[in-house]
């Protein structure tokens, strides 16, 4: 035994060696890029009004996010930063596909708008948790396997 207790090990798994700063920045950048990707797809003929055409955009963004989470975990990130990183892009995807009309905030009664935000953002949190946990496991397995080969 190396004398390490389970508490520091759990903290290292939860937080990792890479801080929340990178996760926060990439979460924000992922949100902005994912949100704008639907506008770019609209210029190319894919639109929010046509869910069957917006689905490939959402799917591609989700896969790209999952790959990013795996790579982030492989560099030493913990579970919580991995979830945080995935939340931004997933929130943008769900806001653009199931949320309120983009760029239109009603000024009369903000309650319906707030209620319309709760469901997509809650589902985004659940998706981010699932992808973050899976991405952490895969990323750590890949990085551990690579370290064993050296």
Protein backbone atom coordinates (compact mmCIF):
# COMPACT_ATOMS: atom_id res chain seq x y z
CA UNK A 1 0.00 0.00 0.00
CA UNK A 2 1.15 3.49 -0.66
CA UNK A 3 -0.43 4.94 2.49
CA UNK A 4 -3.00 6.92 0.52
CA UNK A 5 -6.41 7.19 2.15
CA UNK A 6 -9.63 7.00 0.17
CA UNK A 7 -10.58 10.65 0.77
CA UNK A 8 -7.71 12.20 -1.25
CA UNK A 9 -8.26 9.58 -3.94
CA UNK A 10 -11.96 10.49 -4.19
CA UNK A 11 -11.05 14.17 -4.33
CA UNK A 12 -8.58 13.48 -7.16
CA UNK A 13 -11.24 11.52 -9.06
CA UNK A 14 -13.86 14.22 -8.53
CA UNK A 15 -11.67 17.25 -9.22
CA UNK A 16 -8.71 15.79 -11.08
CA UNK A 17 -5.33 17.31 -11.70
CA UNK A 18 -6.68 19.84 -14.21
CA UNK A 19 -8.64 22.70 -12.70
CA UNK A 20 -12.10 24.00 -13.35
CA UNK A 21 -10.71 27.01 -15.20
CA UNK A 22 -10.19 25.15 -18.45
CA UNK A 23 -13.55 23.41 -18.07
CA UNK A 24 -15.30 26.75 -17.54
CA UNK A 25 -13.68 28.34 -20.57
CA UNK A 26 -14.36 25.39 -22.86
CA UNK A 27 -17.91 25.07 -21.55
CA UNK A 28 -18.59 28.72 -22.42
CA UNK A 29 -16.87 28.44 -25.79
CA UNK A 30 -18.75 25.20 -26.49
CA UNK A 31 -22.05 26.88 -25.61
CA UNK A 32 -21.37 29.83 -27.93
CA UNK A 33 -20.12 27.72 -30.83
CA UNK A 34 -22.92 25.17 -30.50
CA UNK A 35 -25.58 27.88 -30.27
CA UNK A 36 -24.18 29.63 -33.35
CA UNK A 37 -23.81 26.35 -35.26
CA UNK A 38 -27.58 26.20 -35.66
CA UNK A 39 -27.54 29.68 -37.23
CA UNK A 40 -24.73 28.62 -39.55
CA UNK A 41 -26.68 25.51 -40.44
CA UNK A 42 -29.70 27.73 -41.13
CA UNK A 43 -27.63 29.65 -43.66
CA UNK A 44 -26.78 26.33 -45.29
CA UNK A 45 -30.43 25.27 -45.49
CA UNK A 46 -30.81 23.40 -42.21
CA UNK A 47 -33.15 25.16 -39.84
CA UNK A 48 -34.74 24.92 -36.42
CA UNK A 49 -38.15 24.94 -38.09
CA UNK A 50 -37.32 21.57 -39.58
CA UNK A 51 -36.32 19.22 -36.72
CA UNK A 52 -35.37 16.38 -39.05
CA UNK A 53 -32.78 18.65 -40.64
CA UNK A 54 -31.54 20.08 -37.33
CA UNK A 55 -31.04 16.61 -35.85
CA UNK A 56 -27.76 15.97 -37.74
CA UNK A 57 -26.38 19.27 -36.43
CA UNK A 58 -27.34 18.37 -32.86
CA UNK A 59 -25.93 14.86 -33.25
CA UNK A 60 -22.63 16.10 -34.66
CA UNK A 61 -22.28 18.62 -31.83
CA UNK A 62 -23.05 15.96 -29.21
CA UNK A 63 -20.43 13.60 -30.67
CA UNK A 64 -17.86 16.40 -30.84
CA UNK A 65 -18.59 17.27 -27.21
CA UNK A 66 -18.18 13.64 -26.13
CA UNK A 67 -14.82 13.42 -27.91
CA UNK A 68 -13.72 16.65 -26.21
CA UNK A 69 -14.71 15.30 -22.79
CA UNK A 70 -12.73 12.10 -23.36
CA UNK A 71 -9.67 14.09 -24.41
CA UNK A 72 -10.07 16.44 -21.45
CA UNK A 73 -10.29 13.52 -19.01
CA UNK A 74 -7.26 11.88 -20.61
CA UNK A 75 -5.19 14.97 -19.74
CA UNK A 76 -5.98 14.68 -16.03
CA UNK A 77 -9.40 16.27 -15.54
CA UNK A 78 -11.73 14.93 -12.90
CA UNK A 79 -15.36 13.91 -13.16
CA UNK A 80 -16.81 17.28 -12.11
CA UNK A 81 -14.79 19.37 -14.61
CA UNK A 82 -15.69 16.86 -17.33
CA UNK A 83 -19.39 17.27 -16.55
CA UNK A 84 -18.96 21.05 -16.42
CA UNK A 85 -17.25 21.05 -19.82
CA UNK A 86 -20.07 19.02 -21.42
CA UNK A 87 -22.84 21.15 -19.93
CA UNK A 88 -22.24 24.24 -22.09
CA UNK A 89 -22.58 22.60 -25.50
CA UNK A 90 -25.47 20.38 -24.36
CA UNK A 91 -27.33 23.39 -22.96
CA UNK A 92 -26.96 25.19 -26.29
CA UNK A 93 -28.08 22.13 -28.26
CA UNK A 94 -31.18 21.63 -26.15
CA UNK A 95 -32.04 25.32 -26.04
CA UNK A 96 -31.89 25.50 -29.82
CA UNK A 97 -33.81 22.28 -30.46
CA UNK A 98 -36.41 22.24 -27.68
CA UNK A 99 -36.17 25.58 -25.88
CA UNK A 100 -37.90 28.88 -26.45
CA UNK A 101 -37.58 30.75 -29.71
CA UNK A 102 -33.98 31.95 -30.00
CA UNK A 103 -33.23 35.66 -29.77
CA UNK A 104 -36.80 36.46 -28.67
CA UNK A 105 -37.30 37.38 -25.02
CA UNK A 106 -40.87 38.36 -24.12
CA UNK A 107 -40.90 41.50 -22.01
CA UNK A 108 -44.51 41.21 -20.80
CA UNK A 109 -44.46 38.14 -18.56
CA UNK A 110 -41.03 36.52 -17.92
CA UNK A 111 -42.50 33.47 -16.14
CA UNK A 112 -43.40 31.47 -19.30
CA UNK A 113 -39.94 32.17 -20.70
CA UNK A 114 -38.26 31.00 -17.48
CA UNK A 115 -40.43 27.87 -17.40
CA UNK A 116 -39.46 27.17 -21.01
CA UNK A 117 -35.77 27.30 -19.99
CA UNK A 118 -36.04 24.91 -17.04
CA UNK A 119 -36.72 21.73 -19.00
CA UNK A 120 -33.96 22.03 -21.65
CA UNK A 121 -31.37 23.11 -19.08
CA UNK A 122 -32.34 20.27 -16.73
CA UNK A 123 -32.08 17.71 -19.52
CA UNK A 124 -28.73 19.26 -20.52
CA UNK A 125 -27.46 18.75 -16.97
CA UNK A 126 -28.52 15.10 -17.03
CA UNK A 127 -26.90 14.58 -20.43
CA UNK A 128 -23.73 16.35 -19.32
CA UNK A 129 -23.54 14.15 -16.23
CA UNK A 130 -23.91 10.99 -18.33
CA UNK A 131 -21.36 12.07 -20.94
CA UNK A 132 -19.02 13.46 -18.28
CA UNK A 133 -18.97 10.22 -16.31
CA UNK A 134 -18.57 8.05 -19.40
CA UNK A 135 -16.01 10.41 -20.92
CA UNK A 136 -14.02 10.43 -17.69
CA UNK A 137 -13.97 6.62 -17.57
CA UNK A 138 -12.96 6.28 -21.22
CA UNK A 139 -10.42 9.12 -21.06
CA UNK A 140 -8.74 7.71 -17.97
CA UNK A 141 -8.70 4.21 -19.46
CA UNK A 142 -7.07 5.51 -22.63
CA UNK A 143 -4.49 7.55 -20.73
CA UNK A 144 -3.71 4.68 -18.32
CA UNK A 145 -3.31 2.26 -21.21
CA UNK A 146 -0.97 4.69 -22.95
CA UNK A 147 1.10 5.07 -19.77
CA UNK A 148 1.43 1.30 -19.44
CA UNK A 149 2.82 1.01 -22.98
CA UNK A 150 5.77 3.33 -22.21
